[in-house]
Amino acid sequence: MFGIGQKRAKTSITAKDAFQFPGLVNFFVGLQKGAITEWQALQLSAVYACIRLISQSIGMLPLSLHQKTQSDTKIISRLAAENPLNRVLGIMANPMCTAYMFKQTMQTWTLMYGNAYAEIQRNGAGDVVALWPISPLNMRIEIVDNVKKYIYTRPTGEKIMFDQSLILHIPGLSFDGIQGYSPISIMRSELQLATALQDFGTSYFQNGTNLGSVITHPGHLGEKARVHLKEDVEKNFSGLSNAQKMIILEEGMSFDKINIPAEDAQFISARRFSLEEICRYYGVQLHMIQNLDKASFNNIEQQSLEFRTYCLLPWTTIWEQEIYKNVFDPIMQAQNYYVKYNLNALLRADYTTRMNNYRTGVQMGLYSLNDVCELEDMNPIEGEAGDVHWVNAAMINIDQQINAMPSLVAAPKGGDNNAGDQLPKNSNE
């Protein structure tokens, strides 16, 4: 797609080689009759909504580069703002694509095709200066001497081989630990049902839900009369534009509708079940795609938390580990660099929760006031006061608390400090 212009080693791929890699099963299975393609699946609102929600969330969350360093006996983690990779991950992935669009595109490909690839561009010093998305439709993986090789096929048919150190690979659900599998291929049967229901609904309502009506004549109509009557009814009384029009019948004819209402045919229930099935595949809660049938004031907050924990967190973990494995060179790995998604950014639109978190952090001594100002993009408090960490004065060391505890046995009045003598020696005394 982008950035594939550097000179690479060439190799030839045969049909026999293609069948040796399970990842290509997606392509051959897709050739079967009636198969649902990825673009056809996107026409289903549930599929589109799930992919849009997850990919936009991954694209929105800040991804930054950090480094752990040791100072005396402490390990300190700091933002590696001076490293070019931090800008690539957080601002501009390449001169043509922002970091948000890069992450969103890569995640969309993973959710549609099961894999996403990007070429890693480095400068003369070995620093990563750009990441270029590569279409997964033209990429395949080959294992050579227990090392991954990525083979890209140009539209001209030319094949280019990439070493593992040159490709960022974000896989989806995998059965071999090498590459992911297309969710669309896995849930093809469910998508065929959902598409059939959608087509039925379109046809059903496009015809005004009035097909299947019967006009009864007390006598006998000739062939021409039947054709004329049918054409007149279809022309003047069928379809949405003619809905609710009055029909005038002559010669004792009667009009009866025999169509089955959509609710009676369980059409709506079937579509709702299909929606739930698609959400299960993607791990998305129903209320996240505007279905509030099972949402309530008591559970919607917990469901939102489950979306962050069981849907987004696994994806952010994949991103973090794949970047560490493929984008970091051995020097960066040895210097304890790592990347981290900031899931707290999901609270950016929730002012009340954000302020409560800051209040708790300040009272615990975790944040200084200037730390909060920095997180809120506000000017710092001048002087040293803004950098002071505060703690609750009522909290003391547990050892101090034990030493400050009064005696379990109070001394008797009258100045006798031998409290033990005041206790009865026998319960009968």
Protein backbone atom coordinates (compact mmCIF):
# COMPACT_ATOMS: atom_id res chain seq x y z
CA MET A 1 0.00 0.00 0.00
CA PHE A 2 2.53 2.59 1.14
CA GLY A 3 6.27 2.67 1.48
CA ILE A 4 7.00 -0.44 -0.52
CA GLY A 5 9.71 0.92 -2.73
CA GLN A 6 12.92 -0.28 -1.20
CA LYS A 7 14.98 -2.94 -2.90
CA ARG A 8 14.21 -6.38 -1.46
CA ALA A 9 15.16 -9.96 -2.14
CA LYS A 10 12.84 -11.70 -4.59
CA THR A 11 11.39 -15.18 -4.37
CA SER A 12 8.97 -17.32 -6.40
CA ILE A 13 5.72 -18.71 -4.98
CA THR A 14 4.05 -21.83 -6.41
CA ALA A 15 0.52 -23.12 -5.97
CA LYS A 16 1.90 -26.06 -3.99
CA ASP A 17 3.56 -23.66 -1.57
CA ALA A 18 0.30 -21.80 -1.08
CA PHE A 19 -1.52 -24.83 0.34
CA GLN A 20 1.19 -25.35 2.95
CA PHE A 21 0.08 -22.33 4.93
CA PRO A 22 -3.20 -22.50 6.85
CA GLY A 23 -3.68 -18.73 6.71
CA LEU A 24 -4.52 -18.98 3.00
CA VAL A 25 -7.51 -21.17 3.84
CA ASN A 26 -9.43 -17.90 4.30
CA PHE A 27 -9.02 -17.12 0.60
CA PHE A 28 -9.99 -20.53 -0.75
CA VAL A 29 -12.94 -20.91 1.60
CA GLY A 30 -14.15 -17.51 0.40
CA LEU A 31 -14.51 -18.90 -3.13
CA GLN A 32 -17.30 -21.26 -2.16
CA LYS A 33 -20.77 -20.54 -3.43
CA GLY A 34 -22.75 -18.10 -1.33
CA ALA A 35 -19.76 -17.02 0.73
CA ILE A 36 -19.90 -13.65 2.46
CA THR A 37 -17.02 -11.36 1.64
CA GLU A 38 -15.60 -8.83 4.06
CA TRP A 39 -17.16 -5.90 2.21
CA GLN A 40 -20.56 -7.60 2.11
CA ALA A 41 -20.29 -8.20 5.85
CA LEU A 42 -19.68 -4.47 6.41
CA GLN A 43 -23.13 -3.77 4.98
CA LEU A 44 -24.59 -5.38 8.09
CA SER A 45 -25.03 -2.65 10.69
CA ALA A 46 -23.91 -4.89 13.57
CA VAL A 47 -20.62 -5.83 11.88
CA TYR A 48 -19.93 -2.23 10.87
CA ALA A 49 -20.76 -0.92 14.35
CA CYS A 50 -18.53 -3.48 16.14
CA ILE A 51 -15.57 -2.86 13.83
CA ARG A 52 -16.02 0.91 14.00
CA LEU A 53 -16.28 0.90 17.81
CA ILE A 54 -13.19 -1.23 18.45
CA SER A 55 -11.00 0.32 15.75
CA GLN A 56 -11.87 3.89 16.71
CA SER A 57 -11.24 3.10 20.38
CA ILE A 58 -7.81 1.63 19.60
CA GLY A 59 -7.03 4.59 17.37
CA MET A 60 -8.14 7.10 19.99
CA LEU A 61 -6.21 5.69 22.96
CA PRO A 62 -2.77 7.28 23.45
CA LEU A 63 0.15 4.94 22.71
CA SER A 64 3.52 6.16 23.99
CA LEU A 65 7.10 4.97 24.39
CA HIS A 66 8.60 4.58 27.87
CA GLN A 67 11.87 3.42 29.36
CA LYS A 68 12.64 1.87 32.72
CA THR A 69 15.90 3.01 34.35
CA GLN A 70 17.41 2.12 37.71
CA SER A 71 18.38 4.81 40.19
CA ASP A 72 20.08 3.50 43.35
CA THR A 73 17.63 0.87 44.54
CA LYS A 74 14.60 2.17 42.65
CA ILE A 75 13.33 1.47 39.14
CA ILE A 76 12.05 4.63 37.48
CA SER A 77 9.79 4.68 34.42
CA ARG A 78 9.90 7.77 32.23
CA LEU A 79 8.40 8.90 28.93
CA ALA A 80 10.95 8.55 26.10
CA ALA A 81 9.81 11.75 24.40
CA GLU A 82 13.12 12.30 22.63
CA ASN A 83 12.97 8.97 20.76
CA PRO A 84 11.53 9.33 17.19
CA LEU A 85 9.38 6.24 17.71
CA ASN A 86 7.34 8.06 20.36
CA ARG A 87 6.23 10.61 17.76
CA VAL A 88 5.48 7.87 15.24
CA LEU A 89 3.20 6.08 17.70
CA GLY A 90 1.58 9.17 19.16
CA ILE A 91 1.37 11.84 16.44
CA MET A 92 2.37 10.91 12.88
CA ALA A 93 2.85 7.31 11.79
CA ASN A 94 4.22 8.49 8.46
CA PRO A 95 4.09 11.70 6.36
CA MET A 96 0.73 10.65 4.89
CA CYS A 97 -1.03 9.19 7.93
CA THR A 98 -1.64 10.34 11.50
CA ALA A 99 -1.10 7.96 14.39
CA TYR A 100 -4.87 7.78 14.95
CA MET A 101 -5.63 6.82 11.34
CA PHE A 102 -2.77 4.33 11.30
CA LYS A 103 -3.98 2.50 14.42
CA GLN A 104 -7.59 2.61 13.30
CA THR A 105 -6.75 1.23 9.85
CA MET A 106 -4.57 -1.54 11.24
CA GLN A 107 -7.22 -2.56 13.78
CA THR A 108 -9.95 -2.51 11.12
CA TRP A 109 -7.91 -4.85 8.93
CA THR A 110 -7.39 -7.21 11.85
CA LEU A 111 -11.11 -7.28 12.63
CA MET A 112 -11.99 -7.89 8.97
CA TYR A 113 -9.16 -10.07 7.62
CA GLY A 114 -7.57 -11.41 10.80
CA ASN A 115 -4.18 -9.74 10.21
CA ALA A 116 -2.71 -6.27 9.72
CA TYR A 117 0.77 -5.43 8.47
CA ALA A 118 2.95 -2.34 8.34
CA GLU A 119 6.44 -1.82 6.96
CA ILE A 120 8.94 -0.39 9.43
CA GLN A 121 11.07 2.46 8.08
CA ARG A 122 14.32 3.31 9.89
CA ASN A 123 16.85 6.10 9.45
CA GLY A 124 20.62 5.69 9.21
CA ALA A 125 20.93 5.51 13.00
CA GLY A 126 18.44 2.63 13.17
CA ASP A 127 15.63 4.71 14.71
CA VAL A 128 12.07 4.03 13.57
CA VAL A 129 10.84 7.10 11.70
CA ALA A 130 7.69 5.79 9.99
CA LEU A 131 5.22 2.90 9.84
CA TRP A 132 3.56 2.23 6.46
CA PRO A 133 0.37 0.11 6.32
CA ILE A 134 0.45 -2.78 3.82
CA SER A 135 -2.76 -4.40 2.55
CA PRO A 136 -3.26 -7.83 4.17
CA LEU A 137 -4.91 -9.09 0.98
CA ASN A 138 -1.51 -9.13 -0.75
CA MET A 139 0.55 -10.50 2.14
CA ARG A 140 1.37 -14.05 3.17
CA ILE A 141 3.67 -15.62 5.75
CA GLU A 142 6.31 -18.25 5.16
CA ILE A 143 8.46 -19.96 7.79
CA VAL A 144 12.12 -20.30 6.75
CA ASP A 145 14.53 -21.91 9.23
CA ASN A 146 12.11 -21.18 12.10
CA VAL A 147 12.00 -17.49 11.14
CA LYS A 148 8.99 -15.63 9.81
CA LYS A 149 9.23 -14.24 6.29
CA TYR A 150 6.57 -11.91 4.95
CA ILE A 151 5.91 -12.13 1.22
CA TYR A 152 4.10 -9.21 -0.43
CA THR A 153 2.72 -9.48 -3.96
CA ARG A 154 2.58 -6.27 -5.98
CA PRO A 155 -0.34 -5.65 -8.36
CA THR A 156 2.14 -6.37 -11.15
CA GLY A 157 2.75 -9.84 -9.76
CA GLU A 158 6.20 -9.07 -8.41
CA LYS A 159 6.89 -10.66 -5.03
CA ILE A 160 8.89 -8.98 -2.28
CA MET A 161 10.18 -10.76 0.81
CA PHE A 162 10.44 -8.92 4.12
CA ASP A 163 12.36 -10.06 7.16
CA GLN A 164 10.50 -10.16 10.45
CA SER A 165 12.41 -7.08 11.66
CA LEU A 166 10.90 -5.03 8.82
CA ILE A 167 7.21 -5.77 9.43
CA LEU A 168 4.86 -4.88 12.28
CA HIS A 169 2.26 -7.66 12.35
CA ILE A 170 -0.96 -7.33 14.38
CA PRO A 171 -2.72 -10.74 14.36
CA GLY A 172 -6.23 -11.57 15.43
CA LEU A 173 -7.44 -14.84 16.92
CA SER A 174 -4.84 -17.44 16.01
CA PHE A 175 -4.75 -21.23 16.06
CA ASP A 176 -1.03 -21.60 15.39
CA GLY A 177 0.56 -18.56 17.01
CA ILE A 178 1.83 -17.39 13.62
CA GLN A 179 -1.06 -15.53 12.04
CA GLY A 180 -4.67 -14.67 12.74
CA TYR A 181 -7.84 -15.85 11.07
CA SER A 182 -10.56 -13.73 9.54
CA PRO A 183 -13.54 -13.28 11.90
CA ILE A 184 -15.72 -12.88 8.81
CA SER A 185 -14.72 -16.36 7.62
CA ILE A 186 -15.29 -17.89 11.05
CA MET A 187 -18.80 -16.47 11.46
CA ARG A 188 -19.79 -16.87 7.80
CA SER A 189 -22.91 -18.92 8.55
CA GLU A 190 -24.19 -16.33 11.01
CA LEU A 191 -23.51 -13.55 8.52
CA GLN A 192 -25.38 -15.43 5.79
CA LEU A 193 -28.40 -15.63 8.08
CA ALA A 194 -28.14 -11.95 8.98
CA THR A 195 -27.84 -11.00 5.30
CA ALA A 196 -30.86 -13.12 4.40
CA LEU A 197 -32.90 -11.44 7.14
CA GLN A 198 -31.79 -8.03 5.96
CA ASP A 199 -32.68 -8.81 2.34
CA PHE A 200 -36.05 -10.19 3.44
CA GLY A 201 -36.77 -7.05 5.45
CA THR A 202 -35.80 -4.81 2.55
CA SER A 203 -38.04 -6.68 0.14
CA TYR A 204 -40.83 -6.99 2.69
CA PHE A 205 -41.12 -3.30 3.47
CA GLN A 206 -40.18 -2.09 0.00
CA ASN A 207 -43.42 -3.59 -1.24
CA GLY A 208 -45.43 -1.89 1.47
CA THR A 209 -46.04 -5.17 3.39
CA ASN A 210 -49.20 -5.52 1.25
CA LEU A 211 -48.25 -8.41 -1.02
CA GLY A 212 -50.17 -11.62 -0.55
CA SER A 213 -53.59 -9.94 -0.73
CA VAL A 214 -56.60 -11.62 -2.32
CA ILE A 215 -59.38 -10.00 -4.34
CA THR A 216 -62.47 -12.20 -4.49
CA HIS A 217 -65.12 -11.92 -7.26
CA PRO A 218 -68.50 -13.56 -6.78
CA GLY A 219 -68.63 -14.58 -10.41
CA HIS A 220 -66.10 -15.60 -13.04
CA LEU A 221 -63.48 -13.26 -14.55
CA GLY A 222 -62.05 -13.80 -17.97
CA GLU A 223 -58.31 -13.91 -18.64
CA LYS A 224 -58.11 -10.31 -19.86
CA ALA A 225 -60.20 -9.06 -16.92
CA ARG A 226 -57.90 -10.78 -14.40
CA VAL A 227 -54.77 -9.36 -16.02
CA HIS A 228 -56.29 -5.87 -16.18
CA LEU A 229 -57.39 -6.01 -12.52
CA LYS A 230 -53.97 -7.26 -11.37
CA GLU A 231 -52.09 -4.57 -13.29
CA ASP A 232 -54.42 -1.84 -12.00
CA VAL A 233 -53.98 -2.90 -8.34
CA GLU A 234 -50.19 -3.23 -8.61
CA LYS A 235 -49.86 0.12 -10.35
CA ASN A 236 -52.13 2.18 -8.14
CA PHE A 237 -52.14 0.46 -4.76
CA SER A 238 -48.82 -1.38 -4.29
CA GLY A 239 -45.61 0.00 -2.81
CA LEU A 240 -44.81 2.62 -0.20
CA SER A 241 -45.86 5.55 -2.37
CA ASN A 242 -49.38 4.12 -2.65
CA ALA A 243 -49.76 3.06 0.98
CA GLN A 244 -53.08 3.83 2.69
CA LYS A 245 -54.84 4.67 -0.59
CA MET A 246 -58.51 3.81 -0.95
CA ILE A 247 -59.40 1.03 -3.39
CA ILE A 248 -62.83 0.92 -5.01
CA LEU A 249 -64.12 -2.53 -5.90
CA GLU A 250 -67.01 -3.25 -8.23
CA GLU A 251 -69.34 -6.14 -9.00
CA GLY A 252 -69.36 -7.41 -5.40
CA MET A 253 -65.59 -8.00 -5.19
CA SER A 254 -63.95 -8.17 -1.75
CA PHE A 255 -60.35 -7.49 -0.69
CA ASP A 256 -58.54 -9.57 1.96
CA LYS A 257 -54.93 -9.37 3.18
CA ILE A 258 -53.26 -12.70 3.91
CA ASN A 259 -49.73 -11.47 4.53
CA ILE A 260 -48.08 -12.43 7.84
CA PRO A 261 -47.08 -9.45 10.00
CA ALA A 262 -43.36 -9.20 10.62
CA GLU A 263 -43.79 -9.58 14.38
CA ASP A 264 -45.90 -12.75 13.95
CA ALA A 265 -43.26 -14.20 11.65
CA GLN A 266 -40.65 -13.58 14.39
CA PHE A 267 -38.73 -11.44 11.95
CA ILE A 268 -37.76 -8.82 14.52
CA SER A 269 -36.78 -11.46 17.08
CA ALA A 270 -34.61 -13.23 14.51
CA ARG A 271 -32.82 -10.00 13.62
CA ARG A 272 -32.27 -9.21 17.29
CA PHE A 273 -30.77 -12.65 17.88
CA SER A 274 -28.52 -12.23 14.85
CA LEU A 275 -27.33 -8.91 16.27
CA GLU A 276 -26.46 -10.56 19.58
CA GLU A 277 -24.54 -13.34 17.82
CA ILE A 278 -22.35 -10.90 15.89
CA CYS A 279 -21.60 -8.96 19.08
CA ARG A 280 -20.51 -12.20 20.75
CA TYR A 281 -17.95 -12.83 18.05
CA TYR A 282 -16.41 -9.38 18.53
CA GLY A 283 -16.78 -9.27 22.32
CA VAL A 284 -18.86 -6.08 22.25
CA GLN A 285 -21.67 -5.33 24.70
CA LEU A 286 -25.01 -4.63 23.05
CA HIS A 287 -25.42 -1.17 24.50
CA MET A 288 -22.10 -0.13 22.90
CA ILE A 289 -23.72 -0.38 19.46
CA GLN A 290 -26.93 1.42 20.48
CA ASN A 291 -28.99 -1.61 21.49
CA LEU A 292 -30.39 -0.86 24.94
CA ASP A 293 -32.89 -3.74 25.24
CA LYS A 294 -30.98 -5.36 28.12
CA ALA A 295 -29.34 -2.24 29.53
CA SER A 296 -30.41 -0.65 32.79
CA PHE A 297 -29.19 2.10 35.07
CA ASN A 298 -27.74 -0.53 37.40
CA ASN A 299 -25.73 -2.58 34.90
CA ILE A 300 -24.71 -0.26 32.07
CA GLU A 301 -21.69 1.10 33.96
CA GLN A 302 -20.49 -2.44 34.70
CA GLN A 303 -20.99 -3.44 31.07
CA SER A 304 -18.89 -0.47 29.95
CA LEU A 305 -16.15 -1.61 32.31
CA GLU A 306 -16.36 -5.12 30.87
CA PHE A 307 -15.92 -3.69 27.37
CA ARG A 308 -12.66 -2.03 28.44
CA THR A 309 -11.47 -5.11 30.33
CA TYR A 310 -12.45 -8.01 28.07
CA CYS A 311 -12.53 -6.36 24.64
CA LEU A 312 -10.08 -3.44 24.48
CA LEU A 313 -7.45 -4.65 26.97
CA PRO A 314 -6.60 -7.85 25.04
CA TRP A 315 -6.15 -5.79 21.86
CA THR A 316 -3.93 -3.21 23.53
CA THR A 317 -1.83 -6.04 24.96
CA ILE A 318 -1.36 -7.51 21.47
CA TRP A 319 -0.27 -4.12 20.14
CA GLU A 320 2.19 -3.55 22.98
CA GLN A 321 3.82 -6.96 22.70
CA GLU A 322 3.98 -7.05 18.90
CA ILE A 323 5.64 -3.61 18.84
CA TYR A 324 8.16 -4.79 21.42
CA LYS A 325 8.87 -7.96 19.42
CA ASN A 326 9.11 -6.52 15.90
CA VAL A 327 9.65 -2.76 16.09
CA PHE A 328 12.21 -2.66 18.90
CA ASP A 329 15.73 -3.64 17.92
CA PRO A 330 17.83 -5.70 20.39
CA ILE A 331 19.42 -2.53 21.77
CA MET A 332 16.05 -0.99 22.70
CA GLN A 333 14.93 -4.25 24.25
CA ALA A 334 18.12 -4.44 26.31
CA GLN A 335 17.62 -0.83 27.44
CA ASN A 336 14.18 -1.69 28.89
CA TYR A 337 12.07 0.31 26.44
CA TYR A 338 8.38 -0.53 26.27
CA VAL A 339 5.17 0.92 24.84
CA LYS A 340 1.96 1.40 26.75
CA TYR A 341 -1.63 2.24 25.91
CA ASN A 342 -3.28 4.69 28.27
CA LEU A 343 -6.78 3.31 28.90
CA ASN A 344 -7.47 6.21 31.27
CA ALA A 345 -8.07 8.30 28.17
CA LEU A 346 -11.52 6.67 28.01
CA LEU A 347 -12.42 8.92 30.97
CA ARG A 348 -11.59 12.06 29.00
CA ALA A 349 -15.27 12.82 28.43
CA ASP A 350 -16.26 11.89 32.01
CA TYR A 351 -15.30 14.98 34.01
CA THR A 352 -16.78 13.86 37.33
CA THR A 353 -15.01 10.48 37.40
CA ARG A 354 -11.77 12.09 36.29
CA MET A 355 -11.83 14.65 39.08
CA ASN A 356 -12.67 11.98 41.66
CA ASN A 357 -9.66 9.97 40.52
CA TYR A 358 -7.40 13.02 40.84
CA ARG A 359 -8.76 13.76 44.31
CA THR A 360 -8.00 10.22 45.46
CA GLY A 361 -4.53 10.35 43.90
CA VAL A 362 -3.66 13.66 45.56
CA GLN A 363 -4.88 12.50 48.98
CA MET A 364 -2.80 9.33 48.69
CA GLY A 365 0.29 11.29 47.75
CA LEU A 366 0.36 9.68 44.30
CA TYR A 367 -0.12 12.98 42.44
CA SER A 368 1.14 16.46 43.10
CA LEU A 369 -1.05 19.39 42.07
CA ASN A 370 1.21 20.02 39.11
CA ASP A 371 0.86 16.38 38.07
CA VAL A 372 -2.90 16.93 37.85
CA CYS A 373 -2.38 20.18 35.93
CA GLU A 374 -0.17 18.36 33.43
CA LEU A 375 -2.75 15.60 32.94
CA GLU A 376 -5.40 18.25 32.31
CA ASP A 377 -3.16 20.30 29.96
CA MET A 378 -3.25 23.27 32.36
CA ASN A 379 -0.48 25.68 33.33
CA PRO A 380 1.49 24.48 36.39
CA ILE A 381 1.33 26.19 39.76
CA GLU A 382 4.32 28.51 40.11
CA GLY A 383 6.89 27.83 42.80
CA GLU A 384 7.66 24.63 44.64
CA ALA A 385 4.23 24.32 46.26
CA GLY A 386 2.72 22.74 43.13
CA ASP A 387 5.27 19.92 43.16
CA VAL A 388 4.69 18.89 46.79
CA HIS A 389 3.03 15.53 47.42
CA TRP A 390 0.45 15.60 50.20
CA VAL A 391 -0.90 12.84 52.44
CA ASN A 392 -3.73 12.67 54.93
CA ALA A 393 -2.47 13.80 58.36
CA ALA A 394 -4.66 11.22 60.08
CA MET A 395 -2.67 8.38 58.54
CA ILE A 396 0.41 7.14 60.44
CA ASN A 397 2.80 4.23 60.17
CA ILE A 398 1.35 0.94 61.41
CA ASP A 399 4.27 0.47 63.82
CA GLN A 400 3.55 3.87 65.35
CA GLN A 401 -0.09 2.92 65.72
CA ILE A 402 0.83 -0.26 67.64
CA ASN A 403 3.18 1.63 69.96
CA ALA A 404 0.56 4.29 70.60
CA MET A 405 -2.14 1.81 71.61
CA PRO A 406 -3.13 2.09 75.32
CA SER A 407 -2.72 -0.88 77.65
CA LEU A 408 -5.38 -3.52 77.21
CA VAL A 409 -5.88 -3.49 80.96
CA ALA A 410 -6.52 -0.07 82.47
CA ALA A 411 -4.77 0.86 85.72
CA PRO A 412 -7.13 1.07 88.78
CA LYS A 413 -7.87 4.35 90.44
CA GLY A 414 -5.96 5.20 93.59
CA GLY A 415 -2.50 5.03 92.14
CA ASP A 416 -2.04 1.25 92.16
CA ASN A 417 -0.39 0.50 88.86
CA ASN A 418 -0.35 -3.27 89.35
CA ALA A 419 -3.27 -3.94 87.14
CA GLY A 420 -2.76 -7.68 87.31
CA ASP A 421 -3.58 -7.73 91.02
CA GLN A 422 -7.04 -6.31 90.29
CA LEU A 423 -8.03 -9.26 88.13
CA PRO A 424 -9.83 -12.15 89.79
CA LYS A 425 -7.70 -15.25 90.12
CA ASN A 426 -10.69 -17.53 89.96
CA SER A 427 -13.98 -17.07 88.21
CA ASN A 428 -15.77 -18.08 91.45
CA GLU A 429 -14.17 -15.29 93.53
